[in-house]
Amino acid sequence: MVAITEFQKIGIGVMGFGLFFLLFGVLLYFDSVLLAFGNILFLTGLTFIIGFKRTAHFFFQRHKFRGSFFFLGGVSLVLCRWPIIGMLVESYGFVLLFRSFFPMVLGFVLSAVNIPFLNGFFSNSSSMV
């Protein structure tokens, strides 16, 4: 079992608040202040969870440069009060950054939920990896 430090616990809470503010900002018709606050909290929470050095290494890897550019560019567009365009650019960057995690997350969700119809459907079409 992995021990979770106090900074990581704080980071989980901060990231949770960031996701809440992002969701709330989208629900309130792309309120730029809530989205900006959510983005700042999300990135701060990620830094608390995995550390500053690993966060910088994750965002500035050579093969993830385009995803980092779009994600951080979207964050800066939201901070400049262009929330709709910023969230679209940020979403595209998020998909580019985390596309290698999606099969793992999908496998975890399917094993945790264990829905027979969906589990059989996705196990037959797993040739994308």
C-alpha atoms as a PDB file:
ATOM      1  CA  MET A   1       0.000   0.000   0.000  1.00  0.00           C
ATOM      2  CA  VAL A   2       1.259   3.448  -0.914  1.00  0.00           C
ATOM      3  CA  ALA A   3       1.472   6.030   1.851  1.00  0.00           C
ATOM      4  CA  ILE A   4      -0.139   9.361   1.041  1.00  0.00           C
ATOM      5  CA  THR A   5       1.616  12.403   2.436  1.00  0.00           C
ATOM      6  CA  GLU A   6      -0.128  15.445   3.877  1.00  0.00           C
ATOM      7  CA  PHE A   7       0.753  17.526   0.791  1.00  0.00           C
ATOM      8  CA  GLN A   8      -0.884  14.910  -1.427  1.00  0.00           C
ATOM      9  CA  LYS A   9      -4.022  14.962   0.714  1.00  0.00           C
ATOM     10  CA  ILE A  10      -4.145  18.740   0.411  1.00  0.00           C
ATOM     11  CA  GLY A  11      -3.553  18.401  -3.328  1.00  0.00           C
ATOM     12  CA  ILE A  12      -6.482  16.012  -3.707  1.00  0.00           C
ATOM     13  CA  GLY A  13      -8.739  18.485  -1.936  1.00  0.00           C
ATOM     14  CA  VAL A  14      -7.486  21.437  -3.963  1.00  0.00           C
ATOM     15  CA  MET A  15      -7.876  19.484  -7.208  1.00  0.00           C
ATOM     16  CA  GLY A  16     -11.397  18.496  -6.183  1.00  0.00           C
ATOM     17  CA  PHE A  17     -12.296  22.132  -5.582  1.00  0.00           C
ATOM     18  CA  GLY A  18     -10.735  23.003  -8.933  1.00  0.00           C
ATOM     19  CA  LEU A  19     -12.855  20.432 -10.740  1.00  0.00           C
ATOM     20  CA  PHE A  20     -15.931  21.681  -8.863  1.00  0.00           C
ATOM     21  CA  PHE A  21     -15.282  25.273  -9.936  1.00  0.00           C
ATOM     22  CA  LEU A  22     -14.642  24.175 -13.523  1.00  0.00           C
ATOM     23  CA  LEU A  23     -17.925  22.258 -13.611  1.00  0.00           C
ATOM     24  CA  PHE A  24     -19.791  25.098 -11.911  1.00  0.00           C
ATOM     25  CA  GLY A  25     -18.274  27.635 -14.319  1.00  0.00           C
ATOM     26  CA  VAL A  26     -19.420  25.578 -17.315  1.00  0.00           C
ATOM     27  CA  LEU A  27     -22.901  25.163 -15.840  1.00  0.00           C
ATOM     28  CA  LEU A  28     -23.172  28.928 -15.354  1.00  0.00           C
ATOM     29  CA  TYR A  29     -22.662  29.552 -19.087  1.00  0.00           C
ATOM     30  CA  PHE A  30     -18.875  29.699 -19.077  1.00  0.00           C
ATOM     31  CA  ASP A  31     -18.367  32.180 -16.265  1.00  0.00           C
ATOM     32  CA  SER A  32     -14.780  33.278 -16.799  1.00  0.00           C
ATOM     33  CA  VAL A  33     -13.986  33.960 -13.132  1.00  0.00           C
ATOM     34  CA  LEU A  34     -15.095  30.516 -11.973  1.00  0.00           C
ATOM     35  CA  LEU A  35     -13.292  28.811 -14.854  1.00  0.00           C
ATOM     36  CA  ALA A  36     -10.091  30.732 -14.183  1.00  0.00           C
ATOM     37  CA  PHE A  37     -10.253  29.918 -10.476  1.00  0.00           C
ATOM     38  CA  GLY A  38     -10.941  26.266 -11.281  1.00  0.00           C
ATOM     39  CA  ASN A  39      -7.983  26.092 -13.669  1.00  0.00           C
ATOM     40  CA  ILE A  40      -5.629  27.620 -11.118  1.00  0.00           C
ATOM     41  CA  LEU A  41      -6.832  25.257  -8.376  1.00  0.00           C
ATOM     42  CA  PHE A  42      -6.596  22.234 -10.696  1.00  0.00           C
ATOM     43  CA  LEU A  43      -2.997  22.975 -11.668  1.00  0.00           C
ATOM     44  CA  THR A  44      -2.061  23.777  -8.057  1.00  0.00           C
ATOM     45  CA  GLY A  45      -3.607  20.515  -6.852  1.00  0.00           C
ATOM     46  CA  LEU A  46      -1.767  18.545  -9.521  1.00  0.00           C
ATOM     47  CA  THR A  47       1.481  20.166  -8.406  1.00  0.00           C
ATOM     48  CA  PHE A  48       0.760  19.282  -4.761  1.00  0.00           C
ATOM     49  CA  ILE A  49      -0.048  15.672  -5.644  1.00  0.00           C
ATOM     50  CA  ILE A  50       2.907  14.761  -7.871  1.00  0.00           C
ATOM     51  CA  GLY A  51       5.383  17.519  -6.998  1.00  0.00           C
ATOM     52  CA  PHE A  52       6.716  20.534  -8.845  1.00  0.00           C
ATOM     53  CA  LYS A  53       9.545  18.736 -10.645  1.00  0.00           C
ATOM     54  CA  ARG A  54       7.367  15.873 -11.887  1.00  0.00           C
ATOM     55  CA  THR A  55       4.626  18.288 -12.975  1.00  0.00           C
ATOM     56  CA  ALA A  56       7.123  20.316 -15.000  1.00  0.00           C
ATOM     57  CA  HIS A  57       8.561  17.105 -16.447  1.00  0.00           C
ATOM     58  CA  PHE A  58       5.073  15.886 -17.401  1.00  0.00           C
ATOM     59  CA  PHE A  59       4.053  19.090 -19.185  1.00  0.00           C
ATOM     60  CA  PHE A  60       7.360  19.766 -20.912  1.00  0.00           C
ATOM     61  CA  GLN A  61       8.205  16.386 -22.419  1.00  0.00           C
ATOM     62  CA  ARG A  62       9.158  16.555 -26.068  1.00  0.00           C
ATOM     63  CA  HIS A  63       6.364  14.297 -27.337  1.00  0.00           C
ATOM     64  CA  LYS A  64       3.724  16.120 -25.241  1.00  0.00           C
ATOM     65  CA  PHE A  65       4.679  19.625 -26.331  1.00  0.00           C
ATOM     66  CA  ARG A  66       1.634  20.164 -28.560  1.00  0.00           C
ATOM     67  CA  GLY A  67      -0.780  18.995 -25.848  1.00  0.00           C
ATOM     68  CA  SER A  68       0.922  21.171 -23.229  1.00  0.00           C
ATOM     69  CA  PHE A  69       0.868  24.145 -25.582  1.00  0.00           C
ATOM     70  CA  PHE A  70      -2.873  23.816 -26.203  1.00  0.00           C
ATOM     71  CA  PHE A  71      -3.722  23.049 -22.564  1.00  0.00           C
ATOM     72  CA  LEU A  72      -1.718  25.910 -21.062  1.00  0.00           C
ATOM     73  CA  GLY A  73      -2.761  28.179 -23.935  1.00  0.00           C
ATOM     74  CA  GLY A  74      -6.407  27.403 -23.143  1.00  0.00           C
ATOM     75  CA  VAL A  75      -5.798  28.204 -19.480  1.00  0.00           C
ATOM     76  CA  SER A  76      -4.259  31.533 -20.448  1.00  0.00           C
ATOM     77  CA  LEU A  77      -7.189  32.296 -22.787  1.00  0.00           C
ATOM     78  CA  VAL A  78      -9.600  31.661 -19.923  1.00  0.00           C
ATOM     79  CA  LEU A  79      -7.520  33.950 -17.717  1.00  0.00           C
ATOM     80  CA  CYS A  80      -7.761  36.620 -20.461  1.00  0.00           C
ATOM     81  CA  ARG A  81     -11.571  36.327 -20.254  1.00  0.00           C
ATOM     82  CA  TRP A  82     -12.214  34.343 -23.441  1.00  0.00           C
ATOM     83  CA  PRO A  83     -13.840  31.387 -21.686  1.00  0.00           C
ATOM     84  CA  ILE A  84     -15.524  29.519 -24.538  1.00  0.00           C
ATOM     85  CA  ILE A  85     -12.540  29.549 -26.883  1.00  0.00           C
ATOM     86  CA  GLY A  86     -10.206  28.884 -23.952  1.00  0.00           C
ATOM     87  CA  MET A  87     -12.147  25.855 -22.759  1.00  0.00           C
ATOM     88  CA  LEU A  88     -12.278  24.415 -26.279  1.00  0.00           C
ATOM     89  CA  VAL A  89      -8.523  24.828 -26.702  1.00  0.00           C
ATOM     90  CA  GLU A  90      -7.918  23.513 -23.191  1.00  0.00           C
ATOM     91  CA  SER A  91     -10.111  20.456 -23.805  1.00  0.00           C
ATOM     92  CA  TYR A  92      -8.209  19.635 -26.981  1.00  0.00           C
ATOM     93  CA  GLY A  93      -4.919  19.940 -25.087  1.00  0.00           C
ATOM     94  CA  PHE A  94      -6.282  17.766 -22.256  1.00  0.00           C
ATOM     95  CA  VAL A  95      -7.153  15.005 -24.724  1.00  0.00           C
ATOM     96  CA  LEU A  96      -3.697  15.236 -26.323  1.00  0.00           C
ATOM     97  CA  LEU A  97      -1.948  15.157 -22.937  1.00  0.00           C
ATOM     98  CA  PHE A  98      -3.905  12.336 -21.329  1.00  0.00           C
ATOM     99  CA  ARG A  99      -4.774  10.127 -24.317  1.00  0.00           C
ATOM    100  CA  SER A 100      -2.393   7.418 -23.124  1.00  0.00           C
ATOM    101  CA  PHE A 101      -4.315   7.210 -19.817  1.00  0.00           C
ATOM    102  CA  PHE A 102      -7.773   6.745 -21.344  1.00  0.00           C
ATOM    103  CA  PRO A 103      -7.486   2.950 -22.020  1.00  0.00           C
ATOM    104  CA  MET A 104      -6.210   2.391 -18.483  1.00  0.00           C
ATOM    105  CA  VAL A 105      -9.029   4.461 -16.968  1.00  0.00           C
ATOM    106  CA  LEU A 106     -11.598   2.674 -19.128  1.00  0.00           C
ATOM    107  CA  GLY A 107     -10.248  -0.721 -18.042  1.00  0.00           C
ATOM    108  CA  PHE A 108     -10.343   0.323 -14.393  1.00  0.00           C
ATOM    109  CA  VAL A 109     -13.913   1.605 -14.654  1.00  0.00           C
ATOM    110  CA  LEU A 110     -15.066  -1.534 -16.445  1.00  0.00           C
ATOM    111  CA  SER A 111     -13.438  -3.802 -13.881  1.00  0.00           C
ATOM    112  CA  ALA A 112     -14.826  -1.763 -10.983  1.00  0.00           C
ATOM    113  CA  VAL A 113     -18.355  -1.525 -12.335  1.00  0.00           C
ATOM    114  CA  ASN A 114     -18.393  -4.987 -13.928  1.00  0.00           C
ATOM    115  CA  ILE A 115     -21.302  -4.523 -16.317  1.00  0.00           C
ATOM    116  CA  PRO A 116     -21.434  -7.728 -18.403  1.00  0.00           C
ATOM    117  CA  PHE A 117     -22.771  -6.161 -21.623  1.00  0.00           C
ATOM    118  CA  LEU A 118     -20.295  -3.277 -21.693  1.00  0.00           C
ATOM    119  CA  ASN A 119     -17.412  -5.425 -20.469  1.00  0.00           C
ATOM    120  CA  GLY A 120     -17.949  -7.887 -23.327  1.00  0.00           C
ATOM    121  CA  PHE A 121     -18.350  -5.099 -25.854  1.00  0.00           C
ATOM    122  CA  PHE A 122     -15.115  -3.315 -24.942  1.00  0.00           C
ATOM    123  CA  SER A 123     -13.004  -6.435 -24.479  1.00  0.00           C
ATOM    124  CA  ASN A 124     -13.622  -7.442 -28.126  1.00  0.00           C
ATOM    125  CA  SER A 125     -12.558  -4.079 -29.533  1.00  0.00           C
ATOM    126  CA  SER A 126      -9.356  -3.508 -27.531  1.00  0.00           C
ATOM    127  CA  SER A 127      -7.043  -3.685 -30.560  1.00  0.00           C
ATOM    128  CA  MET A 128      -6.341   0.064 -30.450  1.00  0.00           C
ATOM    129  CA  VAL A 129      -3.482  -0.307 -27.965  1.00  0.00           C
END
